[in-house]
Amino acid sequence: MTIATLAPIASCIQLLPQLHKTYTTESVKYLSFYSLLLIFTSNLLWTLHGYFIADNALIASGFINFAIIVPLLWLYVKYHP
């Protein structure tokens, strides 16, 4: 496995602990909405870059990241007072 494959995998799993904690505690007290939006935007740009250079690893990791960040954003909106 190359670094070009490992980096997107690491990127995919980085928010899983936060998603789990937010879901189980039903609290977004220490979660920054703007940080989540920045991560979402960054992921969108990397996914588009992967599409334009035909890099399947970047495209796949982008979709996996969206599957994590979108529910996290939804939970933020749901649990934010």
PDB file of N, CA and C in Angstrom:
ATOM      1  N   MET A   1       0.833  -1.174   0.000  1.00  0.00           N
ATOM      2  CA  MET A   1       0.000   0.000   0.000  1.00  0.00           C
ATOM      3  C   MET A   1       0.884   1.246   0.000  1.00  0.00           C
ATOM      4  N   THR A   2       0.486   2.237  -0.752  1.00  0.00           N
ATOM      5  CA  THR A   2       1.284   3.452  -0.843  1.00  0.00           C
ATOM      6  C   THR A   2       0.723   4.547   0.065  1.00  0.00           C
ATOM      7  N   ILE A   3       1.504   5.581   0.229  1.00  0.00           N
ATOM      8  CA  ILE A   3       1.053   6.728   1.024  1.00  0.00           C
ATOM      9  C   ILE A   3      -0.173   7.357   0.375  1.00  0.00           C
ATOM     10  N   ALA A   4      -0.229   7.343  -0.949  1.00  0.00           N
ATOM     11  CA  ALA A   4      -1.378   7.910  -1.659  1.00  0.00           C
ATOM     12  C   ALA A   4      -2.656   7.136  -1.364  1.00  0.00           C
ATOM     13  N   THR A   5      -2.551   5.918  -0.901  1.00  0.00           N
ATOM     14  CA  THR A   5      -3.720   5.140  -0.503  1.00  0.00           C
ATOM     15  C   THR A   5      -3.972   5.257   0.998  1.00  0.00           C
ATOM     16  N   LEU A   6      -2.912   5.287   1.789  1.00  0.00           N
ATOM     17  CA  LEU A   6      -3.058   5.366   3.239  1.00  0.00           C
ATOM     18  C   LEU A   6      -3.588   6.717   3.712  1.00  0.00           C
ATOM     19  N   ALA A   7      -3.180   7.791   3.058  1.00  0.00           N
ATOM     20  CA  ALA A   7      -3.622   9.125   3.474  1.00  0.00           C
ATOM     21  C   ALA A   7      -5.141   9.278   3.385  1.00  0.00           C
ATOM     22  N   PRO A   8      -5.777   8.897   2.286  1.00  0.00           N
ATOM     23  CA  PRO A   8      -7.245   9.001   2.262  1.00  0.00           C
ATOM     24  C   PRO A   8      -7.931   8.092   3.280  1.00  0.00           C
ATOM     25  N   ILE A   9      -7.352   6.936   3.557  1.00  0.00           N
ATOM     26  CA  ILE A   9      -7.941   6.039   4.562  1.00  0.00           C
ATOM     27  C   ILE A   9      -7.889   6.711   5.938  1.00  0.00           C
ATOM     28  N   ALA A  10      -6.743   7.288   6.273  1.00  0.00           N
ATOM     29  CA  ALA A  10      -6.614   7.994   7.549  1.00  0.00           C
ATOM     30  C   ALA A  10      -7.586   9.170   7.607  1.00  0.00           C
ATOM     31  N   SER A  11      -7.742   9.854   6.499  1.00  0.00           N
ATOM     32  CA  SER A  11      -8.676  10.970   6.421  1.00  0.00           C
ATOM     33  C   SER A  11     -10.107  10.514   6.668  1.00  0.00           C
ATOM     34  N   CYS A  12     -10.427   9.338   6.179  1.00  0.00           N
ATOM     35  CA  CYS A  12     -11.788   8.809   6.341  1.00  0.00           C
ATOM     36  C   CYS A  12     -12.127   8.496   7.788  1.00  0.00           C
ATOM     37  N   ILE A  13     -11.170   7.988   8.528  1.00  0.00           N
ATOM     38  CA  ILE A  13     -11.479   7.544   9.890  1.00  0.00           C
ATOM     39  C   ILE A  13     -11.272   8.624  10.943  1.00  0.00           C
ATOM     40  N   GLN A  14     -10.742   9.768  10.573  1.00  0.00           N
ATOM     41  CA  GLN A  14     -10.420  10.776  11.576  1.00  0.00           C
ATOM     42  C   GLN A  14     -11.642  11.328  12.318  1.00  0.00           C
ATOM     43  N   LEU A  15     -12.803  11.355  11.700  1.00  0.00           N
ATOM     44  CA  LEU A  15     -13.981  11.907  12.354  1.00  0.00           C
ATOM     45  C   LEU A  15     -14.907  10.846  12.968  1.00  0.00           C
ATOM     46  N   LEU A  16     -14.581   9.579  12.796  1.00  0.00           N
ATOM     47  CA  LEU A  16     -15.425   8.530  13.368  1.00  0.00           C
ATOM     48  C   LEU A  16     -15.558   8.625  14.892  1.00  0.00           C
ATOM     49  N   PRO A  17     -14.473   8.857  15.639  1.00  0.00           N
ATOM     50  CA  PRO A  17     -14.639   8.988  17.091  1.00  0.00           C
ATOM     51  C   PRO A  17     -15.545  10.166  17.478  1.00  0.00           C
ATOM     52  N   GLN A  18     -15.434  11.273  16.744  1.00  0.00           N
ATOM     53  CA  GLN A  18     -16.279  12.431  17.036  1.00  0.00           C
ATOM     54  C   GLN A  18     -17.742  12.139  16.725  1.00  0.00           C
ATOM     55  N   LEU A  19     -17.990  11.453  15.625  1.00  0.00           N
ATOM     56  CA  LEU A  19     -19.350  11.075  15.264  1.00  0.00           C
ATOM     57  C   LEU A  19     -19.944  10.158  16.335  1.00  0.00           C
ATOM     58  N   HIS A  20     -19.169   9.182  16.772  1.00  0.00           N
ATOM     59  CA  HIS A  20     -19.630   8.257  17.812  1.00  0.00           C
ATOM     60  C   HIS A  20     -19.929   8.983  19.119  1.00  0.00           C
ATOM     61  N   LYS A  21     -19.018   9.850  19.548  1.00  0.00           N
ATOM     62  CA  LYS A  21     -19.213  10.570  20.808  1.00  0.00           C
ATOM     63  C   LYS A  21     -20.416  11.504  20.732  1.00  0.00           C
ATOM     64  N   THR A  22     -20.561  12.197  19.625  1.00  0.00           N
ATOM     65  CA  THR A  22     -21.697  13.110  19.467  1.00  0.00           C
ATOM     66  C   THR A  22     -23.008  12.337  19.474  1.00  0.00           C
ATOM     67  N   TYR A  23     -23.025  11.202  18.805  1.00  0.00           N
ATOM     68  CA  TYR A  23     -24.242  10.392  18.740  1.00  0.00           C
ATOM     69  C   TYR A  23     -24.608   9.807  20.104  1.00  0.00           C
ATOM     70  N   THR A  24     -23.611   9.295  20.816  1.00  0.00           N
ATOM     71  CA  THR A  24     -23.909   8.631  22.097  1.00  0.00           C
ATOM     72  C   THR A  24     -24.200   9.621  23.223  1.00  0.00           C
ATOM     73  N   THR A  25     -23.533  10.764  23.241  1.00  0.00           N
ATOM     74  CA  THR A  25     -23.754  11.738  24.316  1.00  0.00           C
ATOM     75  C   THR A  25     -24.861  12.733  23.991  1.00  0.00           C
ATOM     76  N   GLU A  26     -25.241  12.790  22.734  1.00  0.00           N
ATOM     77  CA  GLU A  26     -26.239  13.767  22.270  1.00  0.00           C
ATOM     78  C   GLU A  26     -25.849  15.183  22.670  1.00  0.00           C
ATOM     79  N   SER A  27     -24.545  15.465  22.585  1.00  0.00           N
ATOM     80  CA  SER A  27     -24.027  16.777  22.953  1.00  0.00           C
ATOM     81  C   SER A  27     -23.034  17.275  21.905  1.00  0.00           C
ATOM     82  N   VAL A  28     -23.178  18.549  21.569  1.00  0.00           N
ATOM     83  CA  VAL A  28     -22.229  19.188  20.642  1.00  0.00           C
ATOM     84  C   VAL A  28     -21.570  20.381  21.328  1.00  0.00           C
ATOM     85  N   LYS A  29     -21.508  20.297  22.645  1.00  0.00           N
ATOM     86  CA  LYS A  29     -21.009  21.410  23.455  1.00  0.00           C
ATOM     87  C   LYS A  29     -19.621  21.884  23.030  1.00  0.00           C
ATOM     88  N   TYR A  30     -18.737  20.967  22.721  1.00  0.00           N
ATOM     89  CA  TYR A  30     -17.365  21.344  22.390  1.00  0.00           C
ATOM     90  C   TYR A  30     -17.059  21.165  20.900  1.00  0.00           C
ATOM     91  N   LEU A  31     -18.080  21.150  20.085  1.00  0.00           N
ATOM     92  CA  LEU A  31     -17.913  20.947  18.652  1.00  0.00           C
ATOM     93  C   LEU A  31     -18.130  22.274  17.932  1.00  0.00           C
ATOM     94  N   SER A  32     -17.227  22.624  17.036  1.00  0.00           N
ATOM     95  CA  SER A  32     -17.323  23.877  16.299  1.00  0.00           C
ATOM     96  C   SER A  32     -18.019  23.658  14.957  1.00  0.00           C
ATOM     97  N   PHE A  33     -19.126  24.360  14.759  1.00  0.00           N
ATOM     98  CA  PHE A  33     -19.864  24.264  13.505  1.00  0.00           C
ATOM     99  C   PHE A  33     -19.011  24.750  12.339  1.00  0.00           C
ATOM    100  N   TYR A  34     -18.278  25.833  12.551  1.00  0.00           N
ATOM    101  CA  TYR A  34     -17.439  26.384  11.482  1.00  0.00           C
ATOM    102  C   TYR A  34     -16.299  25.444  11.119  1.00  0.00           C
ATOM    103  N   SER A  35     -15.787  24.744  12.095  1.00  0.00           N
ATOM    104  CA  SER A  35     -14.758  23.742  11.824  1.00  0.00           C
ATOM    105  C   SER A  35     -15.332  22.615  10.968  1.00  0.00           C
ATOM    106  N   LEU A  36     -16.544  22.179  11.296  1.00  0.00           N
ATOM    107  CA  LEU A  36     -17.195  21.137  10.501  1.00  0.00           C
ATOM    108  C   LEU A  36     -17.434  21.613   9.064  1.00  0.00           C
ATOM    109  N   LEU A  37     -17.854  22.860   8.909  1.00  0.00           N
ATOM    110  CA  LEU A  37     -18.052  23.395   7.560  1.00  0.00           C
ATOM    111  C   LEU A  37     -16.736  23.473   6.785  1.00  0.00           C
ATOM    112  N   LEU A  38     -15.665  23.822   7.478  1.00  0.00           N
ATOM    113  CA  LEU A  38     -14.355  23.866   6.842  1.00  0.00           C
ATOM    114  C   LEU A  38     -13.905  22.476   6.410  1.00  0.00           C
ATOM    115  N   ILE A  39     -14.130  21.485   7.252  1.00  0.00           N
ATOM    116  CA  ILE A  39     -13.793  20.107   6.903  1.00  0.00           C
ATOM    117  C   ILE A  39     -14.630  19.650   5.716  1.00  0.00           C
ATOM    118  N   PHE A  40     -15.925  19.990   5.719  1.00  0.00           N
ATOM    119  CA  PHE A  40     -16.813  19.633   4.614  1.00  0.00           C
ATOM    120  C   PHE A  40     -16.323  20.258   3.307  1.00  0.00           C
ATOM    121  N   THR A  41     -15.990  21.544   3.352  1.00  0.00           N
ATOM    122  CA  THR A  41     -15.512  22.250   2.156  1.00  0.00           C
ATOM    123  C   THR A  41     -14.197  21.672   1.656  1.00  0.00           C
ATOM    124  N   SER A  42     -13.283  21.413   2.580  1.00  0.00           N
ATOM    125  CA  SER A  42     -12.006  20.814   2.217  1.00  0.00           C
ATOM    126  C   SER A  42     -12.216  19.458   1.555  1.00  0.00           C
ATOM    127  N   ASN A  43     -13.095  18.653   2.126  1.00  0.00           N
ATOM    128  CA  ASN A  43     -13.386  17.343   1.559  1.00  0.00           C
ATOM    129  C   ASN A  43     -13.994  17.467   0.164  1.00  0.00           C
ATOM    130  N   LEU A  44     -14.889  18.427  -0.007  1.00  0.00           N
ATOM    131  CA  LEU A  44     -15.494  18.643  -1.319  1.00  0.00           C
ATOM    132  C   LEU A  44     -14.426  18.981  -2.353  1.00  0.00           C
ATOM    133  N   LEU A  45     -13.511  19.866  -1.982  1.00  0.00           N
ATOM    134  CA  LEU A  45     -12.451  20.265  -2.919  1.00  0.00           C
ATOM    135  C   LEU A  45     -11.519  19.098  -3.246  1.00  0.00           C
ATOM    136  N   TRP A  46     -11.157  18.294  -2.245  1.00  0.00           N
ATOM    137  CA  TRP A  46     -10.302  17.132  -2.493  1.00  0.00           C
ATOM    138  C   TRP A  46     -11.010  16.099  -3.371  1.00  0.00           C
ATOM    139  N   THR A  47     -12.307  15.926  -3.146  1.00  0.00           N
ATOM    140  CA  THR A  47     -13.071  14.980  -3.964  1.00  0.00           C
ATOM    141  C   THR A  47     -13.136  15.452  -5.411  1.00  0.00           C
ATOM    142  N   LEU A  48     -13.377  16.747  -5.605  1.00  0.00           N
ATOM    143  CA  LEU A  48     -13.384  17.299  -6.971  1.00  0.00           C
ATOM    144  C   LEU A  48     -12.014  17.166  -7.624  1.00  0.00           C
ATOM    145  N   HIS A  49     -10.975  17.420  -6.862  1.00  0.00           N
ATOM    146  CA  HIS A  49      -9.610  17.257  -7.384  1.00  0.00           C
ATOM    147  C   HIS A  49      -9.384  15.802  -7.808  1.00  0.00           C
ATOM    148  N   GLY A  50      -9.806  14.868  -6.966  1.00  0.00           N
ATOM    149  CA  GLY A  50      -9.679  13.456  -7.311  1.00  0.00           C
ATOM    150  C   GLY A  50     -10.440  13.110  -8.564  1.00  0.00           C
ATOM    151  N   TYR A  51     -11.597  13.705  -8.749  1.00  0.00           N
ATOM    152  CA  TYR A  51     -12.389  13.476  -9.963  1.00  0.00           C
ATOM    153  C   TYR A  51     -11.655  13.992 -11.199  1.00  0.00           C
ATOM    154  N   PHE A  52     -11.119  15.205 -11.101  1.00  0.00           N
ATOM    155  CA  PHE A  52     -10.465  15.810 -12.258  1.00  0.00           C
ATOM    156  C   PHE A  52      -9.154  15.131 -12.645  1.00  0.00           C
ATOM    157  N   ILE A  53      -8.481  14.518 -11.672  1.00  0.00           N
ATOM    158  CA  ILE A  53      -7.249  13.811 -12.011  1.00  0.00           C
ATOM    159  C   ILE A  53      -7.468  12.299 -12.100  1.00  0.00           C
ATOM    160  N   ALA A  54      -8.730  11.891 -11.982  1.00  0.00           N
ATOM    161  CA  ALA A  54      -9.123  10.478 -12.086  1.00  0.00           C
ATOM    162  C   ALA A  54      -8.403   9.600 -11.054  1.00  0.00           C
ATOM    163  N   ASP A  55      -8.377  10.067  -9.807  1.00  0.00           N
ATOM    164  CA  ASP A  55      -7.760   9.314  -8.710  1.00  0.00           C
ATOM    165  C   ASP A  55      -8.877   8.643  -7.910  1.00  0.00           C
ATOM    166  N   ASN A  56      -9.045   7.353  -8.121  1.00  0.00           N
ATOM    167  CA  ASN A  56     -10.140   6.626  -7.479  1.00  0.00           C
ATOM    168  C   ASN A  56     -10.044   6.615  -5.958  1.00  0.00           C
ATOM    169  N   ALA A  57      -8.834   6.603  -5.419  1.00  0.00           N
ATOM    170  CA  ALA A  57      -8.670   6.605  -3.958  1.00  0.00           C
ATOM    171  C   ALA A  57      -9.192   7.913  -3.361  1.00  0.00           C
ATOM    172  N   LEU A  58      -8.898   9.033  -4.004  1.00  0.00           N
ATOM    173  CA  LEU A  58      -9.397  10.319  -3.510  1.00  0.00           C
ATOM    174  C   LEU A  58     -10.913  10.421  -3.635  1.00  0.00           C
ATOM    175  N   ILE A  59     -11.438   9.942  -4.730  1.00  0.00           N
ATOM    176  CA  ILE A  59     -12.882   9.988  -4.942  1.00  0.00           C
ATOM    177  C   ILE A  59     -13.593   9.118  -3.908  1.00  0.00           C
ATOM    178  N   ALA A  60     -13.114   7.905  -3.717  1.00  0.00           N
ATOM    179  CA  ALA A  60     -13.735   6.995  -2.752  1.00  0.00           C
ATOM    180  C   ALA A  60     -13.649   7.551  -1.339  1.00  0.00           C
ATOM    181  N   SER A  61     -12.488   8.074  -0.964  1.00  0.00           N
ATOM    182  CA  SER A  61     -12.355   8.624   0.386  1.00  0.00           C
ATOM    183  C   SER A  61     -13.243   9.847   0.556  1.00  0.00           C
ATOM    184  N   GLY A  62     -13.422  10.606  -0.510  1.00  0.00           N
ATOM    185  CA  GLY A  62     -14.314  11.764  -0.445  1.00  0.00           C
ATOM    186  C   GLY A  62     -15.737  11.352  -0.121  1.00  0.00           C
ATOM    187  N   PHE A  63     -16.226  10.324  -0.788  1.00  0.00           N
ATOM    188  CA  PHE A  63     -17.588   9.866  -0.527  1.00  0.00           C
ATOM    189  C   PHE A  63     -17.728   9.252   0.867  1.00  0.00           C
ATOM    190  N   ILE A  64     -16.703   8.553   1.304  1.00  0.00           N
ATOM    191  CA  ILE A  64     -16.737   8.001   2.662  1.00  0.00           C
ATOM    192  C   ILE A  64     -16.737   9.133   3.684  1.00  0.00           C
ATOM    193  N   ASN A  65     -15.918  10.154   3.443  1.00  0.00           N
ATOM    194  CA  ASN A  65     -15.887  11.303   4.347  1.00  0.00           C
ATOM    195  C   ASN A  65     -17.233  12.011   4.389  1.00  0.00           C
ATOM    196  N   PHE A  66     -17.887  12.135   3.230  1.00  0.00           N
ATOM    197  CA  PHE A  66     -19.216  12.749   3.213  1.00  0.00           C
ATOM    198  C   PHE A  66     -20.199  11.931   4.038  1.00  0.00           C
ATOM    199  N   ALA A  67     -20.047  10.612   4.005  1.00  0.00           N
ATOM    200  CA  ALA A  67     -20.932   9.735   4.779  1.00  0.00           C
ATOM    201  C   ALA A  67     -20.722   9.915   6.282  1.00  0.00           C
ATOM    202  N   ILE A  68     -19.613  10.502   6.682  1.00  0.00           N
ATOM    203  CA  ILE A  68     -19.335  10.758   8.096  1.00  0.00           C
ATOM    204  C   ILE A  68     -19.640  12.202   8.468  1.00  0.00           C
ATOM    205  N   ILE A  69     -19.213  13.151   7.635  1.00  0.00           N
ATOM    206  CA  ILE A  69     -19.360  14.566   7.984  1.00  0.00           C
ATOM    207  C   ILE A  69     -20.804  15.049   7.882  1.00  0.00           C
ATOM    208  N   VAL A  70     -21.565  14.531   6.918  1.00  0.00           N
ATOM    209  CA  VAL A  70     -22.956  14.970   6.781  1.00  0.00           C
ATOM    210  C   VAL A  70     -23.780  14.575   8.011  1.00  0.00           C
ATOM    211  N   PRO A  71     -23.706  13.324   8.486  1.00  0.00           N
ATOM    212  CA  PRO A  71     -24.435  13.012   9.728  1.00  0.00           C
ATOM    213  C   PRO A  71     -23.937  13.822  10.923  1.00  0.00           C
ATOM    214  N   LEU A  72     -22.644  14.114  10.967  1.00  0.00           N
ATOM    215  CA  LEU A  72     -22.105  14.908  12.064  1.00  0.00           C
ATOM    216  C   LEU A  72     -22.676  16.328  12.023  1.00  0.00           C
ATOM    217  N   LEU A  73     -22.768  16.913  10.842  1.00  0.00           N
ATOM    218  CA  LEU A  73     -23.387  18.233  10.702  1.00  0.00           C
ATOM    219  C   LEU A  73     -24.861  18.183  11.096  1.00  0.00           C
ATOM    220  N   TRP A  74     -25.542  17.121  10.700  1.00  0.00           N
ATOM    221  CA  TRP A  74     -26.953  16.966  11.045  1.00  0.00           C
ATOM    222  C   TRP A  74     -27.125  16.860  12.562  1.00  0.00           C
ATOM    223  N   LEU A  75     -26.260  16.083  13.212  1.00  0.00           N
ATOM    224  CA  LEU A  75     -26.335  15.963  14.667  1.00  0.00           C
ATOM    225  C   LEU A  75     -26.051  17.294  15.343  1.00  0.00           C
ATOM    226  N   TYR A  76     -25.123  18.068  14.765  1.00  0.00           N
ATOM    227  CA  TYR A  76     -24.836  19.386  15.333  1.00  0.00           C
ATOM    228  C   TYR A  76     -26.092  20.256  15.309  1.00  0.00           C
ATOM    229  N   VAL A  77     -26.759  20.277  14.171  1.00  0.00           N
ATOM    230  CA  VAL A  77     -27.981  21.083  14.044  1.00  0.00           C
ATOM    231  C   VAL A  77     -29.072  20.551  14.981  1.00  0.00           C
ATOM    232  N   LYS A  78     -29.164  19.243  15.088  1.00  0.00           N
ATOM    233  CA  LYS A  78     -30.188  18.620  15.925  1.00  0.00           C
ATOM    234  C   LYS A  78     -29.980  18.896  17.415  1.00  0.00           C
ATOM    235  N   TYR A  79     -28.731  18.812  17.881  1.00  0.00           N
ATOM    236  CA  TYR A  79     -28.452  18.915  19.317  1.00  0.00           C
ATOM    237  C   TYR A  79     -28.009  20.300  19.771  1.00  0.00           C
ATOM    238  N   HIS A  80     -27.768  21.201  18.850  1.00  0.00           N
ATOM    239  CA  HIS A  80     -27.330  22.548  19.242  1.00  0.00           C
ATOM    240  C   HIS A  80     -28.508  23.315  19.822  1.00  0.00           C
ATOM    241  N   PRO A  81     -28.309  23.899  21.000  1.00  0.00           N
ATOM    242  CA  PRO A  81     -29.432  24.613  21.649  1.00  0.00           C
ATOM    243  C   PRO A  81     -29.851  25.872  20.897  1.00  0.00           C
TER     244      PRO A  81
END
